[in-house]
C-alpha atoms as a PDB file:
ATOM      1  CA  MET A   1       1.566  11.332  -8.151  1.00  0.00           C
ATOM      2  CA  GLN A   2       2.910   8.496 -10.707  1.00  0.00           C
ATOM      3  CA  LYS A   3       1.235   6.252 -13.022  1.00  0.00           C
ATOM      4  CA  PRO A   4       1.932   2.855 -11.884  1.00  0.00           C
ATOM      5  CA  LEU A   5       4.948   0.686 -13.411  1.00  0.00           C
ATOM      6  CA  THR A   6       3.801  -1.522 -16.126  1.00  0.00           C
ATOM      7  CA  PHE A   7       7.012  -3.497 -16.612  1.00  0.00           C
ATOM      8  CA  LEU A   8       9.300  -3.716 -13.421  1.00  0.00           C
ATOM      9  CA  ALA A   9       7.212  -6.008 -11.306  1.00  0.00           C
ATOM     10  CA  PRO A  10       8.676  -8.930 -13.431  1.00  0.00           C
ATOM     11  CA  LEU A  11      12.011  -8.141 -12.946  1.00  0.00           C
ATOM     12  CA  ALA A  12      11.655  -7.743  -8.933  1.00  0.00           C
ATOM     13  CA  PHE A  13      14.367 -11.139  -8.673  1.00  0.00           C
ATOM     14  CA  ILE A  14      16.631  -9.159 -11.023  1.00  0.00           C
ATOM     15  CA  ALA A  15      16.734  -5.763  -9.116  1.00  0.00           C
ATOM     16  CA  ALA A  16      17.108  -7.921  -5.985  1.00  0.00           C
ATOM     17  CA  LEU A  17      20.441  -9.057  -7.149  1.00  0.00           C
ATOM     18  CA  ALA A  18      21.376  -5.573  -8.560  1.00  0.00           C
ATOM     19  CA  LEU A  19      20.801  -3.330  -5.502  1.00  0.00           C
ATOM     20  CA  PRO A  20      23.500  -0.633  -4.572  1.00  0.00           C
ATOM     21  CA  ALA A  21      25.840  -2.032  -2.775  1.00  0.00           C
ATOM     22  CA  ALA A  22      25.090   0.010   0.468  1.00  0.00           C
ATOM     23  CA  ALA A  23      21.682  -2.024   0.502  1.00  0.00           C
ATOM     24  CA  GLN A  24      23.304  -5.263   0.852  1.00  0.00           C
ATOM     25  CA  GLU A  25      25.314  -7.223   2.961  1.00  0.00           C
ATOM     26  CA  THR A  26      28.951  -7.495   2.414  1.00  0.00           C
ATOM     27  CA  ILE A  27      29.510 -10.395   0.596  1.00  0.00           C
ATOM     28  CA  THR A  28      33.091 -12.197   1.481  1.00  0.00           C
ATOM     29  CA  ALA A  29      32.513 -15.375  -0.585  1.00  0.00           C
ATOM     30  CA  ASP A  30      34.478 -15.258  -3.992  1.00  0.00           C
ATOM     31  CA  PRO A  31      31.237 -16.123  -6.471  1.00  0.00           C
ATOM     32  CA  SER A  32      33.895 -17.554  -9.111  1.00  0.00           C
ATOM     33  CA  LYS A  33      35.324 -20.415  -6.183  1.00  0.00           C
ATOM     34  CA  VAL A  34      34.048 -23.690  -7.850  1.00  0.00           C
ATOM     35  CA  VAL A  35      32.314 -25.922  -5.412  1.00  0.00           C
ATOM     36  CA  ALA A  36      31.622 -28.882  -7.522  1.00  0.00           C
ATOM     37  CA  THR A  37      32.215 -30.625 -11.001  1.00  0.00           C
ATOM     38  CA  VAL A  38      29.999 -32.930 -12.908  1.00  0.00           C
ATOM     39  CA  GLY A  39      31.716 -34.581 -15.951  1.00  0.00           C
ATOM     40  CA  GLY A  40      33.989 -31.000 -16.140  1.00  0.00           C
ATOM     41  CA  THR A  41      31.296 -28.964 -15.606  1.00  0.00           C
ATOM     42  CA  GLU A  42      31.857 -26.479 -12.946  1.00  0.00           C
ATOM     43  CA  ILE A  43      29.649 -25.497 -10.192  1.00  0.00           C
ATOM     44  CA  THR A  44      30.294 -22.266  -8.751  1.00  0.00           C
ATOM     45  CA  ILE A  45      29.209 -20.374  -5.355  1.00  0.00           C
ATOM     46  CA  GLY A  46      27.896 -17.791  -7.462  1.00  0.00           C
ATOM     47  CA  HIS A  47      25.604 -20.259  -9.271  1.00  0.00           C
ATOM     48  CA  MET A  48      24.655 -21.359  -5.485  1.00  0.00           C
ATOM     49  CA  ILE A  49      24.068 -17.675  -4.670  1.00  0.00           C
ATOM     50  CA  VAL A  50      21.365 -17.103  -7.762  1.00  0.00           C
ATOM     51  CA  ALA A  51      19.766 -20.513  -7.070  1.00  0.00           C
ATOM     52  CA  TRP A  52      19.346 -19.672  -3.706  1.00  0.00           C
ATOM     53  CA  ALA A  53      18.043 -15.956  -4.378  1.00  0.00           C
ATOM     54  CA  GLY A  54      15.205 -17.454  -6.722  1.00  0.00           C
ATOM     55  CA  LEU A  55      14.185 -19.494  -3.849  1.00  0.00           C
ATOM     56  CA  PRO A  56      10.780 -19.267  -2.581  1.00  0.00           C
ATOM     57  CA  GLU A  57      10.665 -17.285   1.077  1.00  0.00           C
ATOM     58  CA  GLN A  58       9.596 -19.989   3.151  1.00  0.00           C
ATOM     59  CA  TYR A  59      12.604 -22.032   1.794  1.00  0.00           C
ATOM     60  CA  LYS A  60      15.244 -19.145   2.384  1.00  0.00           C
ATOM     61  CA  ASN A  61      14.814 -19.297   6.402  1.00  0.00           C
ATOM     62  CA  LEU A  62      15.859 -22.675   6.732  1.00  0.00           C
ATOM     63  CA  PRO A  63      19.270 -23.370   8.127  1.00  0.00           C
ATOM     64  CA  ASP A  64      22.169 -22.713   6.348  1.00  0.00           C
ATOM     65  CA  ASP A  65      24.041 -26.124   6.163  1.00  0.00           C
ATOM     66  CA  VAL A  66      20.465 -27.042   4.684  1.00  0.00           C
ATOM     67  CA  LEU A  67      20.319 -24.958   2.368  1.00  0.00           C
ATOM     68  CA  PHE A  68      23.576 -24.999   1.329  1.00  0.00           C
ATOM     69  CA  GLN A  69      23.476 -28.930   0.998  1.00  0.00           C
ATOM     70  CA  GLY A  70      20.269 -28.886  -0.519  1.00  0.00           C
ATOM     71  CA  ILE A  71      21.203 -26.383  -3.383  1.00  0.00           C
ATOM     72  CA  LEU A  72      24.308 -28.002  -4.061  1.00  0.00           C
ATOM     73  CA  ASP A  73      22.475 -31.399  -4.412  1.00  0.00           C
ATOM     74  CA  GLN A  74      20.221 -29.686  -6.814  1.00  0.00           C
ATOM     75  CA  LEU A  75      22.618 -28.062  -9.057  1.00  0.00           C
ATOM     76  CA  VAL A  76      24.589 -31.538  -9.238  1.00  0.00           C
ATOM     77  CA  GLN A  77      21.612 -33.285 -10.320  1.00  0.00           C
ATOM     78  CA  GLN A  78      20.162 -30.747 -12.794  1.00  0.00           C
ATOM     79  CA  THR A  79      23.800 -30.492 -14.092  1.00  0.00           C
ATOM     80  CA  ALA A  80      23.896 -34.443 -14.588  1.00  0.00           C
ATOM     81  CA  LEU A  81      20.528 -34.719 -16.198  1.00  0.00           C
ATOM     82  CA  GLN A  82      21.548 -31.988 -18.434  1.00  0.00           C
ATOM     83  CA  GLN A  83      24.571 -33.769 -19.647  1.00  0.00           C
ATOM     84  CA  GLU A  84      22.722 -37.179 -20.127  1.00  0.00           C
ATOM     85  CA  TYR A  85      19.884 -35.839 -22.099  1.00  0.00           C
ATOM     86  CA  THR A  86      20.151 -36.481 -25.801  1.00  0.00           C
ATOM     87  CA  GLY A  87      18.531 -35.084 -28.628  1.00  0.00           C
ATOM     88  CA  ASP A  88      16.979 -31.802 -29.476  1.00  0.00           C
ATOM     89  CA  LEU A  89      15.121 -29.928 -26.986  1.00  0.00           C
ATOM     90  CA  PRO A  90      11.665 -29.397 -27.048  1.00  0.00           C
ATOM     91  CA  GLN A  91      10.057 -26.348 -28.762  1.00  0.00           C
ATOM     92  CA  ARG A  92       8.474 -25.039 -25.423  1.00  0.00           C
ATOM     93  CA  VAL A  93      11.974 -25.416 -23.848  1.00  0.00           C
ATOM     94  CA  LEU A  94      13.721 -23.561 -26.362  1.00  0.00           C
ATOM     95  CA  LEU A  95      10.907 -20.746 -26.541  1.00  0.00           C
ATOM     96  CA  GLN A  96      11.046 -20.603 -22.808  1.00  0.00           C
ATOM     97  CA  LEU A  97      14.819 -20.306 -22.725  1.00  0.00           C
ATOM     98  CA  GLU A  98      14.419 -17.364 -25.304  1.00  0.00           C
ATOM     99  CA  ASN A  99      11.676 -15.738 -22.906  1.00  0.00           C
ATOM    100  CA  GLU A 100      14.197 -15.792 -19.967  1.00  0.00           C
ATOM    101  CA  ARG A 101      17.108 -14.285 -21.735  1.00  0.00           C
ATOM    102  CA  ARG A 102      14.776 -11.731 -22.837  1.00  0.00           C
ATOM    103  CA  SER A 103      13.653 -11.084 -19.470  1.00  0.00           C
ATOM    104  CA  LEU A 104      16.985 -11.289 -17.616  1.00  0.00           C
ATOM    105  CA  THR A 105      18.593  -8.607 -20.254  1.00  0.00           C
ATOM    106  CA  ALA A 106      15.521  -6.219 -19.846  1.00  0.00           C
ATOM    107  CA  GLY A 107      16.051  -6.610 -16.370  1.00  0.00           C
ATOM    108  CA  GLU A 108      19.655  -5.738 -16.395  1.00  0.00           C
ATOM    109  CA  SER A 109      18.555  -2.693 -18.764  1.00  0.00           C
ATOM    110  CA  ILE A 110      15.906  -1.587 -16.254  1.00  0.00           C
ATOM    111  CA  ASN A 111      18.710  -1.721 -13.396  1.00  0.00           C
ATOM    112  CA  SER A 112      21.054   0.947 -15.175  1.00  0.00           C
ATOM    113  CA  ILE A 113      17.926   3.551 -14.286  1.00  0.00           C
ATOM    114  CA  LEU A 114      17.179   1.782 -11.006  1.00  0.00           C
ATOM    115  CA  GLU A 115      20.815   2.167  -9.598  1.00  0.00           C
ATOM    116  CA  VAL A 116      21.082   5.625 -10.603  1.00  0.00           C
ATOM    117  CA  PRO A 117      21.411   7.949  -7.268  1.00  0.00           C
ATOM    118  CA  LEU A 118      19.218  10.360  -6.423  1.00  0.00           C
ATOM    119  CA  GLU A 119      19.824  14.265  -5.564  1.00  0.00           C
ATOM    120  CA  ASP A 120      18.419  15.241  -2.184  1.00  0.00           C
ATOM    121  CA  ALA A 121      16.324  18.337  -3.958  1.00  0.00           C
ATOM    122  CA  GLU A 122      14.574  15.756  -6.356  1.00  0.00           C
ATOM    123  CA  VAL A 123      13.742  13.937  -3.593  1.00  0.00           C
ATOM    124  CA  GLN A 124      12.275  16.974  -1.865  1.00  0.00           C
ATOM    125  CA  ALA A 125      10.653  18.160  -4.859  1.00  0.00           C
ATOM    126  CA  ALA A 126       8.779  14.760  -5.384  1.00  0.00           C
ATOM    127  CA  TYR A 127       7.837  15.119  -1.741  1.00  0.00           C
ATOM    128  CA  ASP A 128       6.533  18.570  -2.256  1.00  0.00           C
ATOM    129  CA  GLU A 129       4.389  17.702  -4.950  1.00  0.00           C
ATOM    130  CA  GLU A 130       2.658  14.238  -3.458  1.00  0.00           C
ATOM    131  CA  TYR A 131       2.158  16.089  -0.239  1.00  0.00           C
ATOM    132  CA  LYS A 132       1.501  20.012  -1.385  1.00  0.00           C
ATOM    133  CA  ASN A 133      -2.648  19.233  -1.556  1.00  0.00           C
ATOM    134  CA  VAL A 134      -3.071  17.180   1.350  1.00  0.00           C
ATOM    135  CA  GLU A 135      -5.477  18.644   3.828  1.00  0.00           C
ATOM    136  CA  GLN A 136      -5.275  18.465   7.186  1.00  0.00           C
ATOM    137  CA  ALA A 137      -7.815  16.520   8.355  1.00  0.00           C
ATOM    138  CA  PRO A 138      -9.370  15.784  12.121  1.00  0.00           C
ATOM    139  CA  GLU A 139      -8.928  12.434  13.639  1.00  0.00           C
ATOM    140  CA  PHE A 140     -10.696  10.928  16.578  1.00  0.00           C
ATOM    141  CA  ASN A 141      -9.810   8.637  19.523  1.00  0.00           C
ATOM    142  CA  ALA A 142     -13.346   7.311  20.768  1.00  0.00           C
ATOM    143  CA  SER A 143     -14.949   4.882  22.658  1.00  0.00           C
ATOM    144  CA  HIS A 144     -18.306   3.071  22.501  1.00  0.00           C
ATOM    145  CA  ILE A 145     -20.481   0.814  24.039  1.00  0.00           C
ATOM    146  CA  LEU A 146     -22.778  -1.164  21.513  1.00  0.00           C
ATOM    147  CA  VAL A 147     -26.132  -2.720  22.517  1.00  0.00           C
ATOM    148  CA  GLU A 148     -28.996  -4.047  20.382  1.00  0.00           C
ATOM    149  CA  THR A 149     -31.920  -2.103  21.238  1.00  0.00           C
ATOM    150  CA  GLU A 150     -32.734   1.658  22.090  1.00  0.00           C
ATOM    151  CA  GLU A 151     -34.210   0.435  25.564  1.00  0.00           C
ATOM    152  CA  ALA A 152     -30.686  -1.208  26.482  1.00  0.00           C
ATOM    153  CA  ALA A 153     -28.988   1.711  25.134  1.00  0.00           C
ATOM    154  CA  LEU A 154     -31.038   4.044  27.277  1.00  0.00           C
ATOM    155  CA  GLU A 155     -30.326   1.731  30.262  1.00  0.00           C
ATOM    156  CA  VAL A 156     -26.591   2.344  29.824  1.00  0.00           C
ATOM    157  CA  VAL A 157     -26.840   6.229  29.767  1.00  0.00           C
ATOM    158  CA  ALA A 158     -28.457   6.088  33.088  1.00  0.00           C
ATOM    159  CA  ALA A 159     -25.884   3.932  34.474  1.00  0.00           C
ATOM    160  CA  LEU A 160     -23.242   6.625  33.268  1.00  0.00           C
ATOM    161  CA  GLU A 161     -25.240   9.094  34.478  1.00  0.00           C
ATOM    162  CA  ASP A 162     -25.094   7.452  37.991  1.00  0.00           C
ATOM    163  CA  GLY A 163     -21.608   7.285  37.758  1.00  0.00           C
ATOM    164  CA  ALA A 164     -20.778   4.334  36.475  1.00  0.00           C
ATOM    165  CA  GLU A 165     -17.117   3.918  34.496  1.00  0.00           C
ATOM    166  CA  PHE A 166     -17.451   3.947  31.058  1.00  0.00           C
ATOM    167  CA  GLU A 167     -14.765   1.254  30.302  1.00  0.00           C
ATOM    168  CA  THR A 168     -16.320  -1.054  33.254  1.00  0.00           C
ATOM    169  CA  VAL A 169     -19.885  -0.798  31.560  1.00  0.00           C
ATOM    170  CA  ALA A 170     -18.329  -1.600  28.095  1.00  0.00           C
ATOM    171  CA  ARG A 171     -17.067  -4.359  29.167  1.00  0.00           C
ATOM    172  CA  GLU A 172     -20.107  -5.626  30.879  1.00  0.00           C
ATOM    173  CA  LYS A 173     -22.768  -4.705  28.516  1.00  0.00           C
ATOM    174  CA  SER A 174     -21.376  -3.936  24.780  1.00  0.00           C
ATOM    175  CA  THR A 175     -21.776  -6.444  22.220  1.00  0.00           C
ATOM    176  CA  GLY A 176     -19.294  -5.207  20.181  1.00  0.00           C
ATOM    177  CA  PRO A 177     -15.370  -6.584  19.544  1.00  0.00           C
ATOM    178  CA  SER A 178     -14.018  -3.621  21.367  1.00  0.00           C
ATOM    179  CA  GLY A 179     -16.113  -4.206  24.683  1.00  0.00           C
ATOM    180  CA  PRO A 180     -13.652  -6.501  26.340  1.00  0.00           C
ATOM    181  CA  ASN A 181     -10.794  -3.456  26.120  1.00  0.00           C
ATOM    182  CA  GLY A 182     -13.216  -1.268  27.307  1.00  0.00           C
ATOM    183  CA  GLY A 183     -14.860   0.015  24.082  1.00  0.00           C
ATOM    184  CA  GLN A 184     -11.950   1.440  22.704  1.00  0.00           C
ATOM    185  CA  LEU A 185     -11.716   2.040  19.065  1.00  0.00           C
ATOM    186  CA  GLY A 186      -8.410   4.031  18.986  1.00  0.00           C
ATOM    187  CA  TRP A 187      -7.701   6.733  16.136  1.00  0.00           C
ATOM    188  CA  PHE A 188      -9.656   6.823  13.200  1.00  0.00           C
ATOM    189  CA  GLY A 189     -10.258   9.534  10.632  1.00  0.00           C
ATOM    190  CA  GLN A 190     -13.159  10.467   8.125  1.00  0.00           C
ATOM    191  CA  GLY A 191     -14.764   7.779   6.014  1.00  0.00           C
ATOM    192  CA  ALA A 192     -13.500   5.020   8.952  1.00  0.00           C
ATOM    193  CA  MET A 193     -16.735   4.963  10.544  1.00  0.00           C
ATOM    194  CA  VAL A 194     -20.412   5.063   9.082  1.00  0.00           C
ATOM    195  CA  PRO A 195     -22.189   7.854   8.753  1.00  0.00           C
ATOM    196  CA  GLU A 196     -24.335   8.069  11.477  1.00  0.00           C
ATOM    197  CA  PHE A 197     -21.372   7.342  13.798  1.00  0.00           C
ATOM    198  CA  GLU A 198     -19.123   9.933  12.383  1.00  0.00           C
ATOM    199  CA  THR A 199     -21.541  12.465  12.356  1.00  0.00           C
ATOM    200  CA  ALA A 200     -22.082  12.032  16.211  1.00  0.00           C
ATOM    201  CA  VAL A 201     -18.285  12.101  16.966  1.00  0.00           C
ATOM    202  CA  ALA A 202     -17.579  15.057  14.917  1.00  0.00           C
ATOM    203  CA  GLY A 203     -20.100  17.134  16.806  1.00  0.00           C
ATOM    204  CA  MET A 204     -19.112  16.071  20.430  1.00  0.00           C
ATOM    205  CA  GLU A 205     -16.489  17.634  22.736  1.00  0.00           C
ATOM    206  CA  VAL A 206     -13.667  15.807  24.109  1.00  0.00           C
ATOM    207  CA  GLY A 207     -14.390  14.086  27.213  1.00  0.00           C
ATOM    208  CA  ALA A 208     -18.152  14.299  26.256  1.00  0.00           C
ATOM    209  CA  VAL A 209     -20.594  11.183  26.125  1.00  0.00           C
ATOM    210  CA  SER A 210     -23.168  10.606  23.381  1.00  0.00           C
ATOM    211  CA  ALA A 211     -26.750  10.055  23.639  1.00  0.00           C
ATOM    212  CA  PRO A 212     -27.969   6.758  22.154  1.00  0.00           C
ATOM    213  CA  VAL A 213     -26.986   6.682  18.213  1.00  0.00           C
ATOM    214  CA  LYS A 214     -28.400   4.025  15.867  1.00  0.00           C
ATOM    215  CA  THR A 215     -26.644   2.616  12.941  1.00  0.00           C
ATOM    216  CA  GLN A 216     -26.784  -0.903  10.993  1.00  0.00           C
ATOM    217  CA  PHE A 217     -24.785  -2.469  13.795  1.00  0.00           C
ATOM    218  CA  GLY A 218     -27.012  -1.311  16.672  1.00  0.00           C
ATOM    219  CA  TRP A 219     -27.230   1.247  19.220  1.00  0.00           C
ATOM    220  CA  HIS A 220     -24.043   3.078  20.262  1.00  0.00           C
ATOM    221  CA  ILE A 221     -23.272   5.489  23.269  1.00  0.00           C
ATOM    222  CA  ILE A 222     -19.886   6.866  22.313  1.00  0.00           C
ATOM    223  CA  LYS A 223     -17.315   8.645  24.157  1.00  0.00           C
ATOM    224  CA  LEU A 224     -14.740  11.045  22.624  1.00  0.00           C
ATOM    225  CA  ASN A 225     -11.390  10.742  24.265  1.00  0.00           C
ATOM    226  CA  GLU A 226      -9.216  13.006  22.293  1.00  0.00           C
ATOM    227  CA  THR A 227      -8.999  14.637  18.652  1.00  0.00           C
ATOM    228  CA  ARG A 228      -5.900  15.687  16.556  1.00  0.00           C
ATOM    229  CA  ILE A 229      -5.486  17.091  13.233  1.00  0.00           C
ATOM    230  CA  GLN A 230      -3.745  14.617  10.946  1.00  0.00           C
ATOM    231  CA  GLU A 231      -0.918  16.313   9.126  1.00  0.00           C
ATOM    232  CA  ALA A 232       1.514  15.115   6.009  1.00  0.00           C
ATOM    233  CA  PRO A 233       4.293  12.899   6.945  1.00  0.00           C
ATOM    234  CA  LYS A 234       7.987  14.384   7.417  1.00  0.00           C
ATOM    235  CA  LEU A 235      10.075  13.485   4.606  1.00  0.00           C
ATOM    236  CA  GLU A 236      12.432  10.997   6.428  1.00  0.00           C
ATOM    237  CA  GLU A 237       9.232   9.053   7.275  1.00  0.00           C
ATOM    238  CA  VAL A 238       8.388   8.429   3.549  1.00  0.00           C
ATOM    239  CA  ARG A 239      11.764   8.972   1.600  1.00  0.00           C
ATOM    240  CA  GLU A 240      11.794   5.167   0.865  1.00  0.00           C
ATOM    241  CA  GLU A 241       8.816   5.401  -0.364  1.00  0.00           C
ATOM    242  CA  ILE A 242       9.335   8.488  -2.554  1.00  0.00           C
ATOM    243  CA  GLU A 243      12.412   7.542  -3.734  1.00  0.00           C
ATOM    244  CA  MET A 244      11.006   4.125  -5.419  1.00  0.00           C
ATOM    245  CA  GLN A 245       8.197   6.166  -7.095  1.00  0.00           C
ATOM    246  CA  ILE A 246      10.776   8.566  -8.543  1.00  0.00           C
ATOM    247  CA  ARG A 247      12.853   5.312  -9.725  1.00  0.00           C
ATOM    248  CA  GLN A 248       9.790   3.629 -10.952  1.00  0.00           C
ATOM    249  CA  VAL A 249       8.955   6.770 -13.069  1.00  0.00           C
ATOM    250  CA  ARG A 250      12.311   6.833 -14.432  1.00  0.00           C
ATOM    251  CA  ALA A 251      12.028   3.237 -15.184  1.00  0.00           C
ATOM    252  CA  GLN A 252       8.479   3.499 -16.903  1.00  0.00           C
ATOM    253  CA  GLU A 253       9.835   6.623 -19.141  1.00  0.00           C
ATOM    254  CA  LYS A 254      13.029   4.260 -20.232  1.00  0.00           C
ATOM    255  CA  ILE A 255      10.537   1.399 -20.805  1.00  0.00           C
ATOM    256  CA  ASP A 256       7.995   3.841 -23.197  1.00  0.00           C
ATOM    257  CA  ALA A 257      10.762   5.573 -24.701  1.00  0.00           C
ATOM    258  CA  VAL A 258      12.626   2.470 -26.244  1.00  0.00           C
ATOM    259  CA  THR A 259       9.539   0.698 -26.936  1.00  0.00           C
ATOM    260  CA  ASN A 260       8.110   3.827 -28.643  1.00  0.00           C
ATOM    261  CA  ALA A 261      11.412   4.106 -30.660  1.00  0.00           C
ATOM    262  CA  ALA A 262      11.806   0.255 -31.671  1.00  0.00           C
ATOM    263  CA  GLU A 263      10.325  -0.858 -35.025  1.00  0.00           C
ATOM    264  CA  VAL A 264       7.095  -2.910 -33.617  1.00  0.00           C
ATOM    265  CA  ASP A 265       4.877  -4.598 -36.123  1.00  0.00           C
ATOM    266  CA  ARG A 266       2.041  -5.871 -33.985  1.00  0.00           C
ATOM    267  CA  SER A 267       0.048  -6.861 -37.374  1.00  0.00           C
ATOM    268  CA  GLY A 268       0.652 -10.728 -36.924  1.00  0.00           C
ATOM    269  CA  ALA A 269      -1.673 -10.666 -33.654  1.00  0.00           C
ATOM    270  CA  GLU A 270      -4.307  -9.318 -35.165  1.00  0.00           C
ATOM    271  CA  GLY A 271      -7.973 -11.279 -35.697  1.00  0.00           C
ATOM    272  CA  LEU A 272      -6.222 -14.037 -33.406  1.00  0.00           C
ATOM    273  CA  ASP A 273      -8.748 -15.710 -31.100  1.00  0.00           C
ATOM    274  CA  PRO A 274      -6.580 -14.477 -27.075  1.00  0.00           C
ATOM    275  CA  SER A 275      -7.470 -18.015 -25.972  1.00  0.00           C
ATOM    276  CA  VAL A 276      -4.608 -19.377 -28.477  1.00  0.00           C
ATOM    277  CA  ILE A 277      -2.038 -18.535 -25.335  1.00  0.00           C
ATOM    278  CA  LYS A 278      -3.602 -21.299 -23.380  1.00  0.00           C
ATOM    279  CA  GLN A 279      -3.248 -23.888 -25.797  1.00  0.00           C
ATOM    280  CA  VAL A 280       0.322 -25.262 -24.665  1.00  0.00           C
ATOM    281  CA  THR A 281      -0.261 -28.864 -26.085  1.00  0.00           C
ATOM    282  CA  VAL A 282       1.042 -27.672 -29.328  1.00  0.00           C
ATOM    283  CA  LEU A 283       4.454 -27.186 -28.409  1.00  0.00           C
ATOM    284  CA  GLU A 284       4.469 -30.719 -27.872  1.00  0.00           C
END
């Protein structure tokens, strides 16, 4: 439905901090509360919250008391080291600070779009556009018994014709991973199986058992358990996805509009060897 958003991904952290209030847990702490000072420099709850939000997920799951103490210790140490540092900052650090400020500020610009409430009519229209041409395709629930040779397959067919239970034979004879589960494959749609298997299933009646079907995996005896028609999901089932798509389109439109309106001169990049961006040592 929409072209992919080219700019939003790097701003995921910014967006996480700026979600609408209804999507966040209630914050009772005062972000301006000072928890420590280092040489007169204040460290606040707000600083700690931002530090926590930037942690990798595996660290966020640590106990709260461990996180609190660890983050506070880190901020105290960083502040002390910052105050101890003398002289000019290296060029690479100054450039990184410029990039960080650029990224954070751009993130706030994008958030102003992402936070605009969506009208129900707009969401409904986007849903209708997304799913109006969805074809109602058949889905199948089948089981199979997979063996290596045609002879073995014919023996399975004979056993089934003599009254053996399909699930029992599958557990005893099938070489496929579904064998221990009675051969059950669950629900699948068109294109999910190799062509020979799919053609055989599509031509069967519910409850029927096929003759041996050869595929690249071996010989199959298939039982069709059920069929159904795959229908478009209800709006409420995909509302979150639809809303995100709308917001991404809005954000991309703003990015394009602002960039196109800006006075951009890329002439300095012409003729440069693209590998120059890897030459980190020139910043030392």
